[in-house]
Amino acid sequence: GNNELMSFLEKCGFAKTSEPPIIIKNSMNMPFRNHELFAIAPKFLDK
């Protein structure tokens, strides 16, 4: 849903490599999202 950010990152040289699955437990519905989480930088990868 963050298409503008994806487009911007691709223009900066990033490449989309996968679409990670959503994992949820003990719920029939997705929790409410306020659309303020744009990205997660889980780790810097070594050279």
PDB file of all heavy atoms in Angstrom:
ATOM      1  N   GLY A   1       0.793  -1.219   0.000  1.00  0.00           N
ATOM      2  CA  GLY A   1       0.000   0.000   0.000  1.00  0.00           C
ATOM      3  C   GLY A   1       0.829   1.274   0.000  1.00  0.00           C
ATOM      4  O   GLY A   1       0.297   2.360  -0.133  1.00  0.00           O
ATOM      5  N   ASN A   2       2.139   1.148   0.178  1.00  0.00           N
ATOM      6  CA  ASN A   2       3.015   2.323   0.167  1.00  0.00           C
ATOM      7  C   ASN A   2       3.668   2.463  -1.206  1.00  0.00           C
ATOM      8  O   ASN A   2       4.888   2.478  -1.347  1.00  0.00           O
ATOM      9  CB  ASN A   2       4.076   2.208   1.262  1.00  0.00           C
ATOM     10  CG  ASN A   2       3.504   2.397   2.643  1.00  0.00           C
ATOM     11  OD1 ASN A   2       2.683   3.277   2.853  1.00  0.00           O
ATOM     12  ND2 ASN A   2       3.915   1.567   3.574  1.00  0.00           N
ATOM     13  N   ASN A   3       2.838   2.578  -2.223  1.00  0.00           N
ATOM     14  CA  ASN A   3       3.328   2.606  -3.602  1.00  0.00           C
ATOM     15  C   ASN A   3       4.224   3.800  -3.898  1.00  0.00           C
ATOM     16  O   ASN A   3       5.193   3.674  -4.649  1.00  0.00           O
ATOM     17  CB  ASN A   3       2.149   2.566  -4.576  1.00  0.00           C
ATOM     18  CG  ASN A   3       1.347   1.291  -4.409  1.00  0.00           C
ATOM     19  OD1 ASN A   3       1.891   0.250  -4.033  1.00  0.00           O
ATOM     20  ND2 ASN A   3       0.060   1.366  -4.664  1.00  0.00           N
ATOM     21  N   GLU A   4       3.908   4.957  -3.337  1.00  0.00           N
ATOM     22  CA  GLU A   4       4.755   6.140  -3.571  1.00  0.00           C
ATOM     23  C   GLU A   4       6.161   5.905  -3.033  1.00  0.00           C
ATOM     24  O   GLU A   4       7.147   6.236  -3.687  1.00  0.00           O
ATOM     25  CB  GLU A   4       4.159   7.377  -2.897  1.00  0.00           C
ATOM     26  CG  GLU A   4       3.009   8.007  -3.626  1.00  0.00           C
ATOM     27  CD  GLU A   4       2.535   9.260  -2.906  1.00  0.00           C
ATOM     28  OE1 GLU A   4       2.146   9.158  -1.727  1.00  0.00           O
ATOM     29  OE2 GLU A   4       2.557  10.330  -3.529  1.00  0.00           O
ATOM     30  N   LEU A   5       6.249   5.327  -1.824  1.00  0.00           N
ATOM     31  CA  LEU A   5       7.561   5.073  -1.236  1.00  0.00           C
ATOM     32  C   LEU A   5       8.309   4.012  -2.037  1.00  0.00           C
ATOM     33  O   LEU A   5       9.517   4.152  -2.276  1.00  0.00           O
ATOM     34  CB  LEU A   5       7.431   4.649   0.224  1.00  0.00           C
ATOM     35  CG  LEU A   5       8.752   4.434   0.956  1.00  0.00           C
ATOM     36  CD1 LEU A   5       9.599   5.705   0.953  1.00  0.00           C
ATOM     37  CD2 LEU A   5       8.504   3.958   2.377  1.00  0.00           C
ATOM     38  N   MET A   6       7.621   2.970  -2.479  1.00  0.00           N
ATOM     39  CA  MET A   6       8.272   1.943  -3.300  1.00  0.00           C
ATOM     40  C   MET A   6       8.845   2.558  -4.570  1.00  0.00           C
ATOM     41  O   MET A   6       9.984   2.279  -4.948  1.00  0.00           O
ATOM     42  CB  MET A   6       7.285   0.833  -3.666  1.00  0.00           C
ATOM     43  CG  MET A   6       7.062  -0.182  -2.570  1.00  0.00           C
ATOM     44  SD  MET A   6       8.546  -1.093  -2.120  1.00  0.00           S
ATOM     45  CE  MET A   6       8.935  -1.902  -3.651  1.00  0.00           C
ATOM     46  N   SER A   7       8.082   3.398  -5.218  1.00  0.00           N
ATOM     47  CA  SER A   7       8.544   4.052  -6.445  1.00  0.00           C
ATOM     48  C   SER A   7       9.764   4.924  -6.161  1.00  0.00           C
ATOM     49  O   SER A   7      10.743   4.918  -6.908  1.00  0.00           O
ATOM     50  CB  SER A   7       7.412   4.882  -7.043  1.00  0.00           C
ATOM     51  OG  SER A   7       7.838   5.551  -8.190  1.00  0.00           O
ATOM     52  N   PHE A   8       9.722   5.678  -5.079  1.00  0.00           N
ATOM     53  CA  PHE A   8      10.832   6.536  -4.690  1.00  0.00           C
ATOM     54  C   PHE A   8      12.092   5.708  -4.435  1.00  0.00           C
ATOM     55  O   PHE A   8      13.181   6.043  -4.912  1.00  0.00           O
ATOM     56  CB  PHE A   8      10.472   7.340  -3.441  1.00  0.00           C
ATOM     57  CG  PHE A   8      11.624   8.118  -2.872  1.00  0.00           C
ATOM     58  CD1 PHE A   8      12.022   9.308  -3.445  1.00  0.00           C
ATOM     59  CD2 PHE A   8      12.309   7.635  -1.766  1.00  0.00           C
ATOM     60  CE1 PHE A   8      13.097  10.022  -2.928  1.00  0.00           C
ATOM     61  CE2 PHE A   8      13.382   8.334  -1.239  1.00  0.00           C
ATOM     62  CZ  PHE A   8      13.771   9.529  -1.821  1.00  0.00           C
ATOM     63  N   LEU A   9      11.954   4.598  -3.696  1.00  0.00           N
ATOM     64  CA  LEU A   9      13.109   3.756  -3.380  1.00  0.00           C
ATOM     65  C   LEU A   9      13.701   3.134  -4.637  1.00  0.00           C
ATOM     66  O   LEU A   9      14.926   3.032  -4.768  1.00  0.00           O
ATOM     67  CB  LEU A   9      12.721   2.673  -2.372  1.00  0.00           C
ATOM     68  CG  LEU A   9      12.410   3.176  -0.954  1.00  0.00           C
ATOM     69  CD1 LEU A   9      11.852   2.048  -0.096  1.00  0.00           C
ATOM     70  CD2 LEU A   9      13.635   3.796  -0.309  1.00  0.00           C
ATOM     71  N   GLU A  10      12.850   2.738  -5.568  1.00  0.00           N
ATOM     72  CA  GLU A  10      13.345   2.175  -6.826  1.00  0.00           C
ATOM     73  C   GLU A  10      14.130   3.226  -7.613  1.00  0.00           C
ATOM     74  O   GLU A  10      15.164   2.919  -8.210  1.00  0.00           O
ATOM     75  CB  GLU A  10      12.200   1.606  -7.645  1.00  0.00           C
ATOM     76  CG  GLU A  10      11.663   0.305  -7.040  1.00  0.00           C
ATOM     77  CD  GLU A  10      10.403  -0.213  -7.698  1.00  0.00           C
ATOM     78  OE1 GLU A  10       9.736   0.552  -8.443  1.00  0.00           O
ATOM     79  OE2 GLU A  10      10.069  -1.382  -7.458  1.00  0.00           O
ATOM     80  N   LYS A  11      13.688   4.479  -7.572  1.00  0.00           N
ATOM     81  CA  LYS A  11      14.418   5.556  -8.237  1.00  0.00           C
ATOM     82  C   LYS A  11      15.764   5.829  -7.563  1.00  0.00           C
ATOM     83  O   LYS A  11      16.690   6.329  -8.194  1.00  0.00           O
ATOM     84  CB  LYS A  11      13.584   6.835  -8.256  1.00  0.00           C
ATOM     85  CG  LYS A  11      12.409   6.763  -9.205  1.00  0.00           C
ATOM     86  CD  LYS A  11      11.552   8.000  -9.124  1.00  0.00           C
ATOM     87  CE  LYS A  11      10.314   7.838  -9.994  1.00  0.00           C
ATOM     88  NZ  LYS A  11       9.345   8.902  -9.802  1.00  0.00           N
ATOM     89  N   CYS A  12      15.869   5.469  -6.277  1.00  0.00           N
ATOM     90  CA  CYS A  12      17.125   5.641  -5.531  1.00  0.00           C
ATOM     91  C   CYS A  12      18.061   4.453  -5.702  1.00  0.00           C
ATOM     92  O   CYS A  12      19.131   4.425  -5.113  1.00  0.00           O
ATOM     93  CB  CYS A  12      16.825   5.838  -4.046  1.00  0.00           C
ATOM     94  SG  CYS A  12      16.075   7.421  -3.654  1.00  0.00           S
ATOM     95  N   GLY A  13      17.641   3.452  -6.479  1.00  0.00           N
ATOM     96  CA  GLY A  13      18.507   2.320  -6.737  1.00  0.00           C
ATOM     97  C   GLY A  13      18.123   1.024  -6.044  1.00  0.00           C
ATOM     98  O   GLY A  13      18.768   0.004  -6.235  1.00  0.00           O
ATOM     99  N   PHE A  14      17.092   1.049  -5.203  1.00  0.00           N
ATOM    100  CA  PHE A  14      16.642  -0.184  -4.557  1.00  0.00           C
ATOM    101  C   PHE A  14      15.875  -1.029  -5.561  1.00  0.00           C
ATOM    102  O   PHE A  14      15.292  -0.512  -6.512  1.00  0.00           O
ATOM    103  CB  PHE A  14      15.729   0.127  -3.363  1.00  0.00           C
ATOM    104  CG  PHE A  14      16.465   0.606  -2.147  1.00  0.00           C
ATOM    105  CD1 PHE A  14      16.730   1.952  -1.973  1.00  0.00           C
ATOM    106  CD2 PHE A  14      16.886  -0.288  -1.182  1.00  0.00           C
ATOM    107  CE1 PHE A  14      17.406   2.408  -0.858  1.00  0.00           C
ATOM    108  CE2 PHE A  14      17.566   0.150  -0.066  1.00  0.00           C
ATOM    109  CZ  PHE A  14      17.826   1.502   0.097  1.00  0.00           C
ATOM    110  N   ALA A  15      15.864  -2.330  -5.343  1.00  0.00           N
ATOM    111  CA  ALA A  15      15.127  -3.252  -6.206  1.00  0.00           C
ATOM    112  C   ALA A  15      14.179  -4.079  -5.349  1.00  0.00           C
ATOM    113  O   ALA A  15      14.571  -4.579  -4.288  1.00  0.00           O
ATOM    114  CB  ALA A  15      16.086  -4.179  -6.941  1.00  0.00           C
ATOM    115  N   LYS A  16      12.947  -4.217  -5.805  1.00  0.00           N
ATOM    116  CA  LYS A  16      11.987  -5.056  -5.099  1.00  0.00           C
ATOM    117  C   LYS A  16      12.353  -6.509  -5.371  1.00  0.00           C
ATOM    118  O   LYS A  16      12.424  -6.933  -6.523  1.00  0.00           O
ATOM    119  CB  LYS A  16      10.567  -4.767  -5.575  1.00  0.00           C
ATOM    120  CG  LYS A  16       9.528  -5.556  -4.818  1.00  0.00           C
ATOM    121  CD  LYS A  16       8.127  -5.154  -5.234  1.00  0.00           C
ATOM    122  CE  LYS A  16       7.100  -5.937  -4.460  1.00  0.00           C
ATOM    123  NZ  LYS A  16       5.740  -5.545  -4.842  1.00  0.00           N
ATOM    124  N   THR A  17      12.592  -7.266  -4.313  1.00  0.00           N
ATOM    125  CA  THR A  17      13.022  -8.647  -4.491  1.00  0.00           C
ATOM    126  C   THR A  17      11.967  -9.659  -4.085  1.00  0.00           C
ATOM    127  O   THR A  17      12.003 -10.784  -4.543  1.00  0.00           O
ATOM    128  CB  THR A  17      14.307  -8.928  -3.687  1.00  0.00           C
ATOM    129  OG1 THR A  17      14.050  -8.674  -2.305  1.00  0.00           O
ATOM    130  CG2 THR A  17      15.450  -8.058  -4.179  1.00  0.00           C
ATOM    131  N   SER A  18      11.053  -9.271  -3.218  1.00  0.00           N
ATOM    132  CA  SER A  18      10.015 -10.209  -2.796  1.00  0.00           C
ATOM    133  C   SER A  18       8.865  -9.454  -2.139  1.00  0.00           C
ATOM    134  O   SER A  18       8.969  -8.267  -1.863  1.00  0.00           O
ATOM    135  CB  SER A  18      10.578 -11.237  -1.803  1.00  0.00           C
ATOM    136  OG  SER A  18      10.938 -10.603  -0.601  1.00  0.00           O
ATOM    137  N   GLU A  19       7.805 -10.168  -1.908  1.00  0.00           N
ATOM    138  CA  GLU A  19       6.652  -9.626  -1.186  1.00  0.00           C
ATOM    139  C   GLU A  19       6.427 -10.528   0.015  1.00  0.00           C
ATOM    140  O   GLU A  19       5.871 -11.617  -0.114  1.00  0.00           O
ATOM    141  CB  GLU A  19       5.422  -9.590  -2.086  1.00  0.00           C
ATOM    142  CG  GLU A  19       4.296  -8.849  -1.462  1.00  0.00           C
ATOM    143  CD  GLU A  19       3.581  -7.963  -2.480  1.00  0.00           C
ATOM    144  OE1 GLU A  19       4.144  -7.691  -3.551  1.00  0.00           O
ATOM    145  OE2 GLU A  19       2.475  -7.570  -2.172  1.00  0.00           O
ATOM    146  N   PRO A  20       6.906 -10.105   1.197  1.00  0.00           N
ATOM    147  CA  PRO A  20       6.820 -10.974   2.359  1.00  0.00           C
ATOM    148  C   PRO A  20       5.373 -11.233   2.779  1.00  0.00           C
ATOM    149  O   PRO A  20       4.514 -10.373   2.611  1.00  0.00           O
ATOM    150  CB  PRO A  20       7.578 -10.220   3.455  1.00  0.00           C
ATOM    151  CG  PRO A  20       7.711  -8.835   2.972  1.00  0.00           C
ATOM    152  CD  PRO A  20       7.528  -8.840   1.489  1.00  0.00           C
ATOM    153  N   PRO A  21       5.126 -12.425   3.313  1.00  0.00           N
ATOM    154  CA  PRO A  21       3.765 -12.745   3.761  1.00  0.00           C
ATOM    155  C   PRO A  21       3.421 -12.014   5.048  1.00  0.00           C
ATOM    156  O   PRO A  21       4.307 -11.566   5.777  1.00  0.00           O
ATOM    157  CB  PRO A  21       3.830 -14.249   4.004  1.00  0.00           C
ATOM    158  CG  PRO A  21       5.262 -14.492   4.355  1.00  0.00           C
ATOM    159  CD  PRO A  21       6.054 -13.514   3.523  1.00  0.00           C
ATOM    160  N   ILE A  22       2.152 -11.895   5.310  1.00  0.00           N
ATOM    161  CA  ILE A  22       1.680 -11.327   6.569  1.00  0.00           C
ATOM    162  C   ILE A  22       1.405 -12.492   7.504  1.00  0.00           C
ATOM    163  O   ILE A  22       0.744 -13.458   7.132  1.00  0.00           O
ATOM    164  CB  ILE A  22       0.395 -10.508   6.355  1.00  0.00           C
ATOM    165  CG1 ILE A  22       0.700  -9.305   5.471  1.00  0.00           C
ATOM    166  CG2 ILE A  22      -0.191 -10.068   7.685  1.00  0.00           C
ATOM    167  CD1 ILE A  22      -0.515  -8.517   5.076  1.00  0.00           C
ATOM    168  N   ILE A  23       1.921 -12.393   8.711  1.00  0.00           N
ATOM    169  CA  ILE A  23       1.725 -13.452   9.698  1.00  0.00           C
ATOM    170  C   ILE A  23       0.878 -12.883  10.828  1.00  0.00           C
ATOM    171  O   ILE A  23       1.188 -11.831  11.378  1.00  0.00           O
ATOM    172  CB  ILE A  23       3.078 -13.951  10.225  1.00  0.00           C
ATOM    173  CG1 ILE A  23       3.923 -14.495   9.073  1.00  0.00           C
ATOM    174  CG2 ILE A  23       2.871 -15.005  11.322  1.00  0.00           C
ATOM    175  CD1 ILE A  23       5.341 -14.832   9.465  1.00  0.00           C
ATOM    176  N   ILE A  24      -0.190 -13.576  11.165  1.00  0.00           N
ATOM    177  CA  ILE A  24      -1.082 -13.130  12.226  1.00  0.00           C
ATOM    178  C   ILE A  24      -1.562 -14.345  13.008  1.00  0.00           C
ATOM    179  O   ILE A  24      -1.731 -15.428  12.448  1.00  0.00           O
ATOM    180  CB  ILE A  24      -2.261 -12.321  11.640  1.00  0.00           C
ATOM    181  CG1 ILE A  24      -3.052 -11.640  12.736  1.00  0.00           C
ATOM    182  CG2 ILE A  24      -3.148 -13.178  10.793  1.00  0.00           C
ATOM    183  CD1 ILE A  24      -3.985 -10.562  12.222  1.00  0.00           C
ATOM    184  N   LYS A  25      -1.760 -14.183  14.291  1.00  0.00           N
ATOM    185  CA  LYS A  25      -2.174 -15.291  15.149  1.00  0.00           C
ATOM    186  C   LYS A  25      -3.326 -14.838  16.049  1.00  0.00           C
ATOM    187  O   LYS A  25      -3.337 -13.703  16.521  1.00  0.00           O
ATOM    188  CB  LYS A  25      -0.991 -15.743  16.009  1.00  0.00           C
ATOM    189  CG  LYS A  25      -1.288 -16.912  16.916  1.00  0.00           C
ATOM    190  CD  LYS A  25      -0.053 -17.328  17.682  1.00  0.00           C
ATOM    191  CE  LYS A  25      -0.396 -18.475  18.619  1.00  0.00           C
ATOM    192  NZ  LYS A  25       0.754 -18.887  19.406  1.00  0.00           N
ATOM    193  N   ASN A  26      -4.264 -15.742  16.272  1.00  0.00           N
ATOM    194  CA  ASN A  26      -5.389 -15.521  17.186  1.00  0.00           C
ATOM    195  C   ASN A  26      -6.279 -14.354  16.781  1.00  0.00           C
ATOM    196  O   ASN A  26      -6.735 -13.583  17.619  1.00  0.00           O
ATOM    197  CB  ASN A  26      -4.897 -15.320  18.628  1.00  0.00           C
ATOM    198  CG  ASN A  26      -4.159 -16.526  19.149  1.00  0.00           C
ATOM    199  OD1 ASN A  26      -4.467 -17.655  18.785  1.00  0.00           O
ATOM    200  ND2 ASN A  26      -3.183 -16.301  19.999  1.00  0.00           N
ATOM    201  N   SER A  27      -6.511 -14.191  15.485  1.00  0.00           N
ATOM    202  CA  SER A  27      -7.386 -13.124  15.020  1.00  0.00           C
ATOM    203  C   SER A  27      -8.016 -13.533  13.698  1.00  0.00           C
ATOM    204  O   SER A  27      -7.372 -14.180  12.868  1.00  0.00           O
ATOM    205  CB  SER A  27      -6.606 -11.828  14.845  1.00  0.00           C
ATOM    206  OG  SER A  27      -7.464 -10.808  14.380  1.00  0.00           O
ATOM    207  N   MET A  28      -9.245 -13.140  13.502  1.00  0.00           N
ATOM    208  CA  MET A  28      -9.925 -13.402  12.235  1.00  0.00           C
ATOM    209  C   MET A  28      -9.710 -12.254  11.253  1.00  0.00           C
ATOM    210  O   MET A  28      -9.901 -12.406  10.062  1.00  0.00           O
ATOM    211  CB  MET A  28     -11.429 -13.602  12.475  1.00  0.00           C
ATOM    212  CG  MET A  28     -11.751 -14.835  13.311  1.00  0.00           C
ATOM    213  SD  MET A  28     -11.197 -16.367  12.556  1.00  0.00           S
ATOM    214  CE  MET A  28     -12.315 -16.474  11.185  1.00  0.00           C
ATOM    215  N   ASN A  29      -9.336 -11.086  11.758  1.00  0.00           N
ATOM    216  CA  ASN A  29      -9.163  -9.900  10.931  1.00  0.00           C
ATOM    217  C   ASN A  29      -7.808  -9.259  11.211  1.00  0.00           C
ATOM    218  O   ASN A  29      -7.233  -9.437  12.280  1.00  0.00           O
ATOM    219  CB  ASN A  29     -10.259  -8.868  11.233  1.00  0.00           C
ATOM    220  CG  ASN A  29     -11.631  -9.414  10.962  1.00  0.00           C
ATOM    221  OD1 ASN A  29     -11.890  -9.946   9.895  1.00  0.00           O
ATOM    222  ND2 ASN A  29     -12.518  -9.317  11.942  1.00  0.00           N
ATOM    223  N   MET A  30      -7.350  -8.489  10.237  1.00  0.00           N
ATOM    224  CA  MET A  30      -6.129  -7.726  10.439  1.00  0.00           C
ATOM    225  C   MET A  30      -6.394  -6.618  11.455  1.00  0.00           C
ATOM    226  O   MET A  30      -7.468  -6.014  11.454  1.00  0.00           O
ATOM    227  CB  MET A  30      -5.677  -7.091   9.121  1.00  0.00           C
ATOM    228  CG  MET A  30      -5.138  -8.076   8.108  1.00  0.00           C
ATOM    229  SD  MET A  30      -3.591  -8.818   8.655  1.00  0.00           S
ATOM    230  CE  MET A  30      -2.524  -7.397   8.682  1.00  0.00           C
ATOM    231  N   PRO A  31      -5.415  -6.326  12.317  1.00  0.00           N
ATOM    232  CA  PRO A  31      -5.598  -5.214  13.252  1.00  0.00           C
ATOM    233  C   PRO A  31      -5.672  -3.882  12.511  1.00  0.00           C
ATOM    234  O   PRO A  31      -5.194  -3.769  11.385  1.00  0.00           O
ATOM    235  CB  PRO A  31      -4.361  -5.279  14.146  1.00  0.00           C
ATOM    236  CG  PRO A  31      -3.418  -6.206  13.484  1.00  0.00           C
ATOM    237  CD  PRO A  31      -4.153  -7.004  12.467  1.00  0.00           C
ATOM    238  N   PHE A  32      -6.248  -2.884  13.153  1.00  0.00           N
ATOM    239  CA  PHE A  32      -6.366  -1.546  12.576  1.00  0.00           C
ATOM    240  C   PHE A  32      -4.981  -0.989  12.267  1.00  0.00           C
ATOM    241  O   PHE A  32      -4.060  -1.115  13.058  1.00  0.00           O
ATOM    242  CB  PHE A  32      -7.089  -0.614  13.550  1.00  0.00           C
ATOM    243  CG  PHE A  32      -7.059   0.819  13.116  1.00  0.00           C
ATOM    244  CD1 PHE A  32      -7.874   1.253  12.077  1.00  0.00           C
ATOM    245  CD2 PHE A  32      -6.209   1.728  13.710  1.00  0.00           C
ATOM    246  CE1 PHE A  32      -7.837   2.574  11.656  1.00  0.00           C
ATOM    247  CE2 PHE A  32      -6.175   3.049  13.297  1.00  0.00           C
ATOM    248  CZ  PHE A  32      -6.990   3.465  12.270  1.00  0.00           C
ATOM    249  N   ARG A  33      -4.822  -0.396  11.092  1.00  0.00           N
ATOM    250  CA  ARG A  33      -3.573   0.257  10.692  1.00  0.00           C
ATOM    251  C   ARG A  33      -3.863   1.729  10.451  1.00  0.00           C
ATOM    252  O   ARG A  33      -4.822   2.074   9.762  1.00  0.00           O
ATOM    253  CB  ARG A  33      -3.036  -0.359   9.392  1.00  0.00           C
ATOM    254  CG  ARG A  33      -2.724  -1.846   9.457  1.00  0.00           C
ATOM    255  CD  ARG A  33      -1.495  -2.171  10.305  1.00  0.00           C
ATOM    256  NE  ARG A  33      -0.282  -1.608   9.798  1.00  0.00           N
ATOM    257  CZ  ARG A  33       0.554  -2.224   8.975  1.00  0.00           C
ATOM    258  NH1 ARG A  33       0.304  -3.430   8.556  1.00  0.00           N
ATOM    259  NH2 ARG A  33       1.649  -1.628   8.564  1.00  0.00           N
ATOM    260  N   ASN A  34      -3.032   2.605  11.003  1.00  0.00           N
ATOM    261  CA  ASN A  34      -3.248   4.041  10.814  1.00  0.00           C
ATOM    262  C   ASN A  34      -2.464   4.596   9.625  1.00  0.00           C
ATOM    263  O   ASN A  34      -2.434   5.792   9.407  1.00  0.00           O
ATOM    264  CB  ASN A  34      -2.909   4.814  12.090  1.00  0.00           C
ATOM    265  CG  ASN A  34      -1.447   4.731  12.462  1.00  0.00           C
ATOM    266  OD1 ASN A  34      -0.634   4.177  11.723  1.00  0.00           O
ATOM    267  ND2 ASN A  34      -1.101   5.287  13.611  1.00  0.00           N
ATOM    268  N   HIS A  35      -1.804   3.728   8.872  1.00  0.00           N
ATOM    269  CA  HIS A  35      -1.067   4.097   7.653  1.00  0.00           C
ATOM    270  C   HIS A  35       0.088   5.048   7.923  1.00  0.00           C
ATOM    271  O   HIS A  35       0.443   5.841   7.076  1.00  0.00           O
ATOM    272  CB  HIS A  35      -2.010   4.665   6.598  1.00  0.00           C
ATOM    273  CG  HIS A  35      -3.128   3.734   6.270  1.00  0.00           C
ATOM    274  ND1 HIS A  35      -2.946   2.539   5.590  1.00  0.00           N
ATOM    275  CD2 HIS A  35      -4.439   3.777   6.578  1.00  0.00           C
ATOM    276  CE1 HIS A  35      -4.095   1.916   5.478  1.00  0.00           C
ATOM    277  NE2 HIS A  35      -5.018   2.633   6.072  1.00  0.00           N
ATOM    278  N   GLU A  36       0.686   4.961   9.113  1.00  0.00           N
ATOM    279  CA  GLU A  36       1.845   5.790   9.426  1.00  0.00           C
ATOM    280  C   GLU A  36       3.142   4.992   9.472  1.00  0.00           C
ATOM    281  O   GLU A  36       4.207   5.551   9.665  1.00  0.00           O
ATOM    282  CB  GLU A  36       1.627   6.536  10.743  1.00  0.00           C
ATOM    283  CG  GLU A  36       0.537   7.581  10.623  1.00  0.00           C
ATOM    284  CD  GLU A  36       0.342   8.397  11.877  1.00  0.00           C
ATOM    285  OE1 GLU A  36       0.951   8.093  12.922  1.00  0.00           O
ATOM    286  OE2 GLU A  36      -0.440   9.364  11.817  1.00  0.00           O
ATOM    287  N   LEU A  37       3.072   3.668   9.286  1.00  0.00           N
ATOM    288  CA  LEU A  37       4.277   2.858   9.189  1.00  0.00           C
ATOM    289  C   LEU A  37       4.626   2.742   7.712  1.00  0.00           C
ATOM    290  O   LEU A  37       3.896   2.138   6.937  1.00  0.00           O
ATOM    291  CB  LEU A  37       4.070   1.467   9.787  1.00  0.00           C
ATOM    292  CG  LEU A  37       5.248   0.502   9.626  1.00  0.00           C
ATOM    293  CD1 LEU A  37       6.483   1.019  10.365  1.00  0.00           C
ATOM    294  CD2 LEU A  37       4.875  -0.885  10.118  1.00  0.00           C
ATOM    295  N   PHE A  38       5.724   3.353   7.315  1.00  0.00           N
ATOM    296  CA  PHE A  38       6.107   3.380   5.908  1.00  0.00           C
ATOM    297  C   PHE A  38       7.141   2.321   5.565  1.00  0.00           C
ATOM    298  O   PHE A  38       7.164   1.822   4.453  1.00  0.00           O
ATOM    299  CB  PHE A  38       6.623   4.765   5.517  1.00  0.00           C
ATOM    300  CG  PHE A  38       5.507   5.739   5.278  1.00  0.00           C
ATOM    301  CD1 PHE A  38       4.942   6.440   6.324  1.00  0.00           C
ATOM    302  CD2 PHE A  38       5.001   5.924   4.000  1.00  0.00           C
ATOM    303  CE1 PHE A  38       3.903   7.321   6.096  1.00  0.00           C
ATOM    304  CE2 PHE A  38       3.959   6.802   3.761  1.00  0.00           C
ATOM    305  CZ  PHE A  38       3.405   7.502   4.827  1.00  0.00           C
ATOM    306  N   ALA A  39       8.024   1.988   6.480  1.00  0.00           N
ATOM    307  CA  ALA A  39       9.061   1.014   6.168  1.00  0.00           C
ATOM    308  C   ALA A  39       9.680   0.484   7.439  1.00  0.00           C
ATOM    309  O   ALA A  39       9.610   1.116   8.490  1.00  0.00           O
ATOM    310  CB  ALA A  39      10.143   1.656   5.295  1.00  0.00           C
ATOM    311  N   ILE A  40      10.298  -0.679   7.310  1.00  0.00           N
ATOM    312  CA  ILE A  40      11.051  -1.274   8.402  1.00  0.00           C
ATOM    313  C   ILE A  40      12.415  -1.628   7.835  1.00  0.00           C
ATOM    314  O   ILE A  40      12.509  -2.312   6.821  1.00  0.00           O
ATOM    315  CB  ILE A  40      10.360  -2.537   8.936  1.00  0.00           C
ATOM    316  CG1 ILE A  40       8.938  -2.213   9.395  1.00  0.00           C
ATOM    317  CG2 ILE A  40      11.171  -3.155  10.073  1.00  0.00           C
ATOM    318  CD1 ILE A  40       8.078  -3.428   9.631  1.00  0.00           C
ATOM    319  N   ALA A  41      13.460  -1.123   8.471  1.00  0.00           N
ATOM    320  CA  ALA A  41      14.814  -1.474   8.065  1.00  0.00           C
ATOM    321  C   ALA A  41      15.298  -2.516   9.065  1.00  0.00           C
ATOM    322  O   ALA A  41      15.834  -2.187  10.111  1.00  0.00           O
ATOM    323  CB  ALA A  41      15.720  -0.252   8.065  1.00  0.00           C
ATOM    324  N   PRO A  42      15.049  -3.801   8.764  1.00  0.00           N
ATOM    325  CA  PRO A  42      15.335  -4.828   9.761  1.00  0.00           C
ATOM    326  C   PRO A  42      16.807  -5.025  10.052  1.00  0.00           C
ATOM    327  O   PRO A  42      17.169  -5.393  11.148  1.00  0.00           O
ATOM    328  CB  PRO A  42      14.736  -6.097   9.150  1.00  0.00           C
ATOM    329  CG  PRO A  42      14.618  -5.834   7.717  1.00  0.00           C
ATOM    330  CD  PRO A  42      14.508  -4.353   7.538  1.00  0.00           C
ATOM    331  N   LYS A  43      17.662  -4.776   9.088  1.00  0.00           N
ATOM    332  CA  LYS A  43      19.089  -4.909   9.364  1.00  0.00           C
ATOM    333  C   LYS A  43      19.906  -4.358   8.217  1.00  0.00           C
ATOM    334  O   LYS A  43      19.475  -4.345   7.075  1.00  0.00           O
ATOM    335  CB  LYS A  43      19.476  -6.345   9.625  1.00  0.00           C
ATOM    336  CG  LYS A  43      19.237  -7.265   8.432  1.00  0.00           C
ATOM    337  CD  LYS A  43      19.590  -8.698   8.795  1.00  0.00           C
ATOM    338  CE  LYS A  43      19.180  -9.648   7.693  1.00  0.00           C
ATOM    339  NZ  LYS A  43      19.534 -11.004   7.973  1.00  0.00           N
ATOM    340  N   PHE A  44      21.078  -3.900   8.568  1.00  0.00           N
ATOM    341  CA  PHE A  44      22.048  -3.557   7.546  1.00  0.00           C
ATOM    342  C   PHE A  44      22.773  -4.853   7.206  1.00  0.00           C
ATOM    343  O   PHE A  44      23.147  -5.612   8.090  1.00  0.00           O
ATOM    344  CB  PHE A  44      23.059  -2.518   8.063  1.00  0.00           C
ATOM    345  CG  PHE A  44      22.463  -1.164   8.224  1.00  0.00           C
ATOM    346  CD1 PHE A  44      22.290  -0.620   9.473  1.00  0.00           C
ATOM    347  CD2 PHE A  44      22.066  -0.436   7.124  1.00  0.00           C
ATOM    348  CE1 PHE A  44      21.746   0.642   9.626  1.00  0.00           C
ATOM    349  CE2 PHE A  44      21.521   0.829   7.253  1.00  0.00           C
ATOM    350  CZ  PHE A  44      21.360   1.360   8.517  1.00  0.00           C
ATOM    351  N   LEU A  45      22.956  -5.118   5.964  1.00  0.00           N
ATOM    352  CA  LEU A  45      23.628  -6.335   5.536  1.00  0.00           C
ATOM    353  C   LEU A  45      25.104  -6.048   5.304  1.00  0.00           C
ATOM    354  O   LEU A  45      25.453  -4.995   4.771  1.00  0.00           O
ATOM    355  CB  LEU A  45      22.973  -6.859   4.255  1.00  0.00           C
ATOM    356  CG  LEU A  45      21.466  -7.107   4.356  1.00  0.00           C
ATOM    357  CD1 LEU A  45      20.901  -7.435   2.979  1.00  0.00           C
ATOM    358  CD2 LEU A  45      21.165  -8.213   5.340  1.00  0.00           C
ATOM    359  N   ASP A  46      25.946  -6.949   5.722  1.00  0.00           N
ATOM    360  CA  ASP A  46      27.382  -6.774   5.529  1.00  0.00           C
ATOM    361  C   ASP A  46      27.717  -6.694   4.051  1.00  0.00           C
ATOM    362  O   ASP A  46      27.059  -7.283   3.221  1.00  0.00           O
ATOM    363  CB  ASP A  46      28.161  -7.942   6.147  1.00  0.00           C
ATOM    364  CG  ASP A  46      28.023  -7.980   7.652  1.00  0.00           C
ATOM    365  OD1 ASP A  46      27.851  -6.906   8.250  1.00  0.00           O
ATOM    366  OD2 ASP A  46      28.080  -9.080   8.223  1.00  0.00           O
ATOM    367  N   LYS A  47      28.784  -5.976   3.767  1.00  0.00           N
ATOM    368  CA  LYS A  47      29.289  -5.947   2.394  1.00  0.00           C
ATOM    369  C   LYS A  47      29.710  -7.347   1.993  1.00  0.00           C
ATOM    370  O   LYS A  47      30.240  -8.100   2.802  1.00  0.00           O
ATOM    371  CB  LYS A  47      30.500  -5.020   2.276  1.00  0.00           C
ATOM    372  CG  LYS A  47      30.166  -3.570   2.282  1.00  0.00           C
ATOM    373  CD  LYS A  47      31.430  -2.781   2.038  1.00  0.00           C
ATOM    374  CE  LYS A  47      31.129  -1.310   1.944  1.00  0.00           C
ATOM    375  NZ  LYS A  47      32.326  -0.526   1.680  1.00  0.00           N
TER     376      LYS A  47
END
